[in-house]
Protein backbone atom coordinates (compact mmCIF):
# COMPACT_ATOMS: atom_id res chain seq x y z
CA MET A 1 53.98 -2.62 6.07
CA GLN A 2 54.68 0.97 5.05
CA SER A 3 52.89 2.25 1.96
CA SER A 4 54.26 4.87 -0.43
CA GLU A 5 50.78 5.83 -1.66
CA LYS A 6 48.62 8.69 -0.42
CA MET A 7 46.24 7.40 2.23
CA PHE A 8 42.61 7.06 1.19
CA HIS A 9 41.09 8.88 4.19
CA LEU A 10 43.95 10.90 5.67
CA SER A 11 45.24 12.14 2.30
CA CYS A 12 48.83 11.99 3.52
CA THR A 13 51.98 10.08 2.56
CA PRO A 14 54.76 8.54 4.68
CA GLU A 15 56.87 11.64 4.05
CA ASP A 16 54.25 13.66 5.93
CA ILE A 17 54.09 11.54 9.10
CA GLY A 18 56.34 11.15 12.13
CA ARG A 19 56.94 8.00 14.13
CA TYR A 20 55.23 9.53 17.15
CA VAL A 21 51.56 10.60 16.99
CA LEU A 22 49.22 12.48 19.31
CA LEU A 23 45.56 11.63 18.69
CA PRO A 24 42.92 14.15 19.79
CA GLY A 25 39.31 13.63 18.81
CA ALA A 26 38.39 17.16 17.76
CA PRO A 27 40.05 18.78 14.72
CA GLU A 28 40.29 22.12 16.54
CA ARG A 29 42.17 20.36 19.36
CA ALA A 30 44.72 19.15 16.81
CA ASP A 31 45.42 22.78 15.93
CA VAL A 32 46.03 23.60 19.60
CA ILE A 33 48.30 20.60 20.20
CA ALA A 34 50.33 21.47 17.11
CA SER A 35 51.26 24.78 18.75
CA TYR A 36 53.30 22.77 21.29
CA LEU A 37 55.54 21.44 18.52
CA ASP A 38 58.46 23.18 16.84
CA ASP A 39 58.09 24.14 13.17
CA ALA A 40 54.64 22.56 12.91
CA ARG A 41 53.09 22.57 9.46
CA LEU A 42 49.57 21.68 8.41
CA ILE A 43 49.54 18.52 6.31
CA GLY A 44 45.85 18.65 5.49
CA ARG A 45 42.22 18.53 6.54
CA ASN A 46 39.85 15.86 5.24
CA ARG A 47 36.53 15.00 6.91
CA GLU A 48 37.22 14.58 10.65
CA PHE A 49 40.96 14.23 10.09
CA THR A 50 43.20 17.26 10.62
CA ILE A 51 46.92 16.50 10.45
CA TRP A 52 49.94 18.51 11.57
CA THR A 53 53.56 17.44 11.73
CA GLY A 54 56.33 19.20 13.64
CA ASN A 55 59.28 18.44 15.88
CA LEU A 56 59.65 17.57 19.55
CA SER A 57 63.00 16.78 21.20
CA GLY A 58 64.57 16.42 17.77
CA GLU A 59 62.01 13.88 16.49
CA ARG A 60 59.18 14.30 14.01
CA VAL A 61 55.81 14.21 15.75
CA THR A 62 52.41 14.15 14.07
CA VAL A 63 49.07 15.30 15.47
CA THR A 64 45.97 13.73 13.90
CA SER A 65 42.36 14.24 14.92
CA THR A 66 40.21 11.12 14.83
CA GLY A 67 36.67 12.43 15.13
CA ILE A 68 34.17 10.71 17.43
CA GLY A 69 34.17 6.99 18.10
CA GLY A 70 36.06 3.83 17.30
CA PRO A 71 35.51 3.46 13.54
CA SER A 72 37.20 6.71 12.53
CA ALA A 73 39.89 6.31 15.22
CA ALA A 74 40.74 2.87 13.82
CA ILE A 75 40.93 4.26 10.29
CA ALA A 76 43.33 6.97 11.46
CA MET A 77 45.57 4.48 13.26
CA GLU A 78 45.58 1.99 10.38
CA GLU A 79 46.61 4.62 7.83
CA LEU A 80 49.17 6.27 10.12
CA VAL A 81 50.80 2.88 10.72
CA MET A 82 50.90 2.37 6.95
CA CYS A 83 52.85 5.65 6.88
CA GLY A 84 55.38 4.42 9.45
CA ALA A 85 53.98 5.62 12.79
CA ASP A 86 54.39 3.23 15.72
CA THR A 87 53.71 5.22 18.91
CA PHE A 88 50.34 6.82 19.73
CA ILE A 89 48.94 8.82 22.64
CA ARG A 90 45.24 9.64 22.59
CA VAL A 91 44.47 13.05 24.15
CA GLY A 92 40.75 13.18 24.78
CA THR A 93 37.81 13.84 27.06
CA CYS A 94 35.58 11.62 29.16
CA GLY A 95 32.62 11.68 31.55
CA GLY A 96 33.04 10.57 35.15
CA MET A 97 31.40 7.41 36.50
CA GLN A 98 32.55 7.57 40.14
CA PRO A 99 31.01 10.40 42.20
CA ASP A 100 34.28 11.41 43.86
CA ILE A 101 36.03 12.33 40.59
CA LEU A 102 36.10 16.08 40.02
CA PRO A 103 35.76 17.64 36.58
CA GLY A 104 39.17 18.77 35.44
CA GLN A 105 40.96 15.73 36.84
CA LEU A 106 42.97 13.61 34.43
CA ILE A 107 42.00 10.00 33.82
CA ILE A 108 44.78 7.66 32.67
CA PRO A 109 43.28 4.38 31.44
CA THR A 110 44.93 1.10 32.42
CA GLY A 111 42.27 -0.80 30.48
CA ALA A 112 38.96 -0.27 28.71
CA VAL A 113 35.58 -2.01 28.75
CA ARG A 114 34.88 -3.06 25.15
CA MET A 115 31.24 -1.97 24.87
CA GLU A 116 31.83 -0.69 21.35
CA GLY A 117 31.81 -2.46 18.02
CA THR A 118 35.07 -1.62 16.27
CA SER A 119 37.43 -3.70 18.40
CA HIS A 120 35.30 -6.80 17.85
CA GLU A 121 36.19 -6.70 14.16
CA TYR A 122 39.84 -7.08 15.18
CA MET A 123 39.85 -9.50 18.13
CA PRO A 124 37.35 -11.82 19.89
CA SER A 125 35.49 -10.33 22.86
CA ALA A 126 37.61 -12.25 25.40
CA TYR A 127 40.72 -10.27 24.38
CA PRO A 128 41.38 -7.36 26.80
CA ALA A 129 41.70 -3.75 25.68
CA VAL A 130 44.83 -2.55 27.47
CA PRO A 131 47.31 0.22 26.66
CA ASP A 132 51.04 -0.12 26.28
CA PHE A 133 52.49 -0.34 29.80
CA GLY A 134 55.59 1.74 29.05
CA LEU A 135 53.63 4.60 27.49
CA THR A 136 51.08 4.55 30.30
CA SER A 137 53.84 4.67 32.90
CA GLU A 138 55.36 7.74 31.26
CA ILE A 139 51.95 9.46 31.17
CA VAL A 140 51.61 8.81 34.91
CA ASN A 141 55.15 10.11 35.49
CA ALA A 142 54.41 13.21 33.43
CA ALA A 143 51.19 13.97 35.34
CA GLU A 144 53.02 13.57 38.64
CA SER A 145 55.91 15.79 37.56
CA LEU A 146 53.47 18.51 36.46
CA SER A 147 51.46 18.16 39.71
CA TYR A 148 48.18 17.49 37.91
CA PRO A 149 45.56 15.51 39.84
CA PHE A 150 44.80 12.23 38.11
CA ARG A 151 43.26 8.81 38.55
CA ALA A 152 44.52 5.68 36.79
CA GLY A 153 42.18 2.76 36.17
CA VAL A 154 39.65 1.17 33.84
CA VAL A 155 37.44 3.26 31.55
CA HIS A 156 34.25 2.37 29.71
CA CYS A 157 33.98 2.73 25.93
CA LYS A 158 30.75 2.80 23.95
CA ASP A 159 29.48 3.71 20.48
CA SER A 160 26.30 5.58 21.45
CA PHE A 161 26.68 8.87 23.32
CA TYR A 162 22.93 9.08 23.91
CA GLY A 163 22.73 5.45 24.88
CA GLN A 164 24.70 6.55 27.92
CA HIS A 165 23.08 9.91 28.54
CA ASP A 166 19.47 9.02 27.71
CA PRO A 167 19.18 5.23 28.21
CA ALA A 168 15.62 5.26 29.56
CA HIS A 169 14.21 6.19 26.14
CA LYS A 170 15.96 3.36 24.30
CA PRO A 171 14.21 0.01 23.64
CA VAL A 172 17.13 -1.75 25.38
CA ALA A 173 16.97 0.55 28.41
CA ASN A 174 17.11 -2.24 30.97
CA ARG A 175 20.34 -3.65 29.54
CA LEU A 176 21.98 -0.25 29.22
CA ILE A 177 21.11 0.77 32.78
CA ASN A 178 22.05 -2.60 34.30
CA ASP A 179 25.39 -2.65 32.48
CA TRP A 180 26.17 0.93 33.55
CA ASN A 181 25.46 0.08 37.17
CA ALA A 182 27.70 -2.98 36.91
CA TRP A 183 30.62 -0.95 35.54
CA LYS A 184 30.18 1.62 38.33
CA ALA A 185 30.06 -1.09 40.98
CA ALA A 186 33.34 -2.50 39.67
CA GLY A 187 35.03 0.91 40.01
CA VAL A 188 35.18 1.92 36.35
CA LEU A 189 36.34 5.53 36.42
CA ALA A 190 34.91 7.20 33.34
CA SER A 191 33.24 6.72 29.98
CA GLU A 192 34.53 7.69 26.52
CA MET A 193 34.39 6.40 22.95
CA GLU A 194 37.81 5.66 21.44
CA SER A 195 40.39 4.03 23.70
CA ALA A 196 39.10 0.44 23.60
CA ALA A 197 39.23 0.41 19.81
CA LEU A 198 42.63 2.09 19.71
CA PHE A 199 44.16 -0.30 22.27
CA VAL A 200 42.95 -3.40 20.42
CA VAL A 201 43.84 -2.09 16.96
CA ALA A 202 47.30 -1.14 18.23
CA ALA A 203 47.79 -4.66 19.59
CA THR A 204 46.89 -6.26 16.28
CA LEU A 205 49.21 -3.88 14.40
CA HIS A 206 52.02 -4.38 16.94
CA VAL A 207 52.37 -0.69 17.78
CA ARG A 208 52.24 1.24 21.06
CA CYS A 209 49.20 3.17 22.27
CA ALA A 210 48.07 4.81 25.51
CA THR A 211 45.59 7.52 26.54
CA VAL A 212 45.26 10.57 28.76
CA LEU A 213 41.78 12.06 29.27
CA ASN A 214 40.36 15.25 30.72
CA MET A 215 37.26 14.41 32.78
CA ILE A 216 34.89 17.20 31.73
CA TRP A 217 31.57 16.24 33.36
CA ASN A 218 30.35 13.80 35.99
CA GLN A 219 26.78 12.63 35.57
CA GLU A 220 27.06 10.66 38.84
CA ASN A 221 27.53 13.81 40.91
CA LYS A 222 25.75 16.75 39.30
CA GLU A 223 25.13 18.42 42.63
CA GLY A 224 28.48 17.95 44.33
CA TYR A 225 30.70 19.73 41.83
CA GLY A 226 28.30 21.83 39.81
CA THR A 227 28.77 19.59 36.81
CA ASP A 228 25.29 20.34 35.49
CA SER A 229 26.70 23.66 34.28
CA ALA A 230 29.23 24.04 31.47
CA PRO A 231 31.61 21.09 30.98
CA LYS A 232 35.22 21.80 31.84
CA LEU A 233 36.71 21.77 28.34
CA ASP A 234 40.08 23.28 29.30
CA MET A 235 42.43 20.71 27.78
CA ASP A 236 45.65 22.37 28.94
CA ALA A 237 46.56 19.75 31.57
CA ALA A 238 45.86 16.77 29.32
CA ILE A 239 47.81 18.24 26.41
CA LYS A 240 50.81 19.24 28.54
CA THR A 241 50.84 15.80 30.16
CA ALA A 242 50.79 14.06 26.77
CA VAL A 243 53.56 16.27 25.39
CA GLU A 244 55.74 15.76 28.48
CA ALA A 245 55.13 12.01 28.35
CA LEU A 246 56.15 11.97 24.70
CA ARG A 247 59.36 13.86 25.51
CA ARG A 248 60.20 11.14 28.05
CA ILE A 249 59.35 8.36 25.59
CA ILE A 250 61.53 9.91 22.89
CA ALA A 251 64.42 10.23 25.36
CA LYS A 252 64.08 6.57 26.34
CA ASP A 253 63.84 5.43 22.73
CA ASN A 254 66.99 7.38 21.89
CA GLY A 255 68.81 6.35 25.08
């Protein structure tokens, strides 16, 4: 149900927000994505949330940063839905889990392992975290049309960055390492921190959500691709893919 009040965390009102939303994690990435919109204006900055609204293909589109992890991403989605938004594309980063994935490739999730806490406050653990099929299809189509290399498949979502990157020094090291090896053996492509929560929250709110990720670093192949140097933080391909996908979605919605 749409609210007319200013949102508690986002400090915006329904008049500020478009139906379509792009969700980066980093506030500075929101500023970059906003440059792809026509007549973009800054709505506000509060905590991890930076909000811009502009136009794309004749429709109002909002860009909102979510910060790191499921809790703040869920807050952003909840309050944006209260403002009338119903279509979301996360534009983020991830770390590779399969050794043949090169940094700079796009990862398009078709599902997410729910090894985070936020989604479990919305749905029981047996419920799958899956994106909207139509949105995901348009992201795939956009990546293909732009000739960007990508992989589509399941991603892993967690709450602890250092639980992944330094598991041996955690009291639950055996569980963390065994679980990681299980996900790898099942072909999980990459690890990140927001999509599982966003997919499940979107399902409970009856809105559409999908994700496109830039794989910036692969801890499973540090030697093969030089990934022990600087992560590949160039987000150009992921952003352009998300924007092109949104153009296609808007055209279909208006068709």
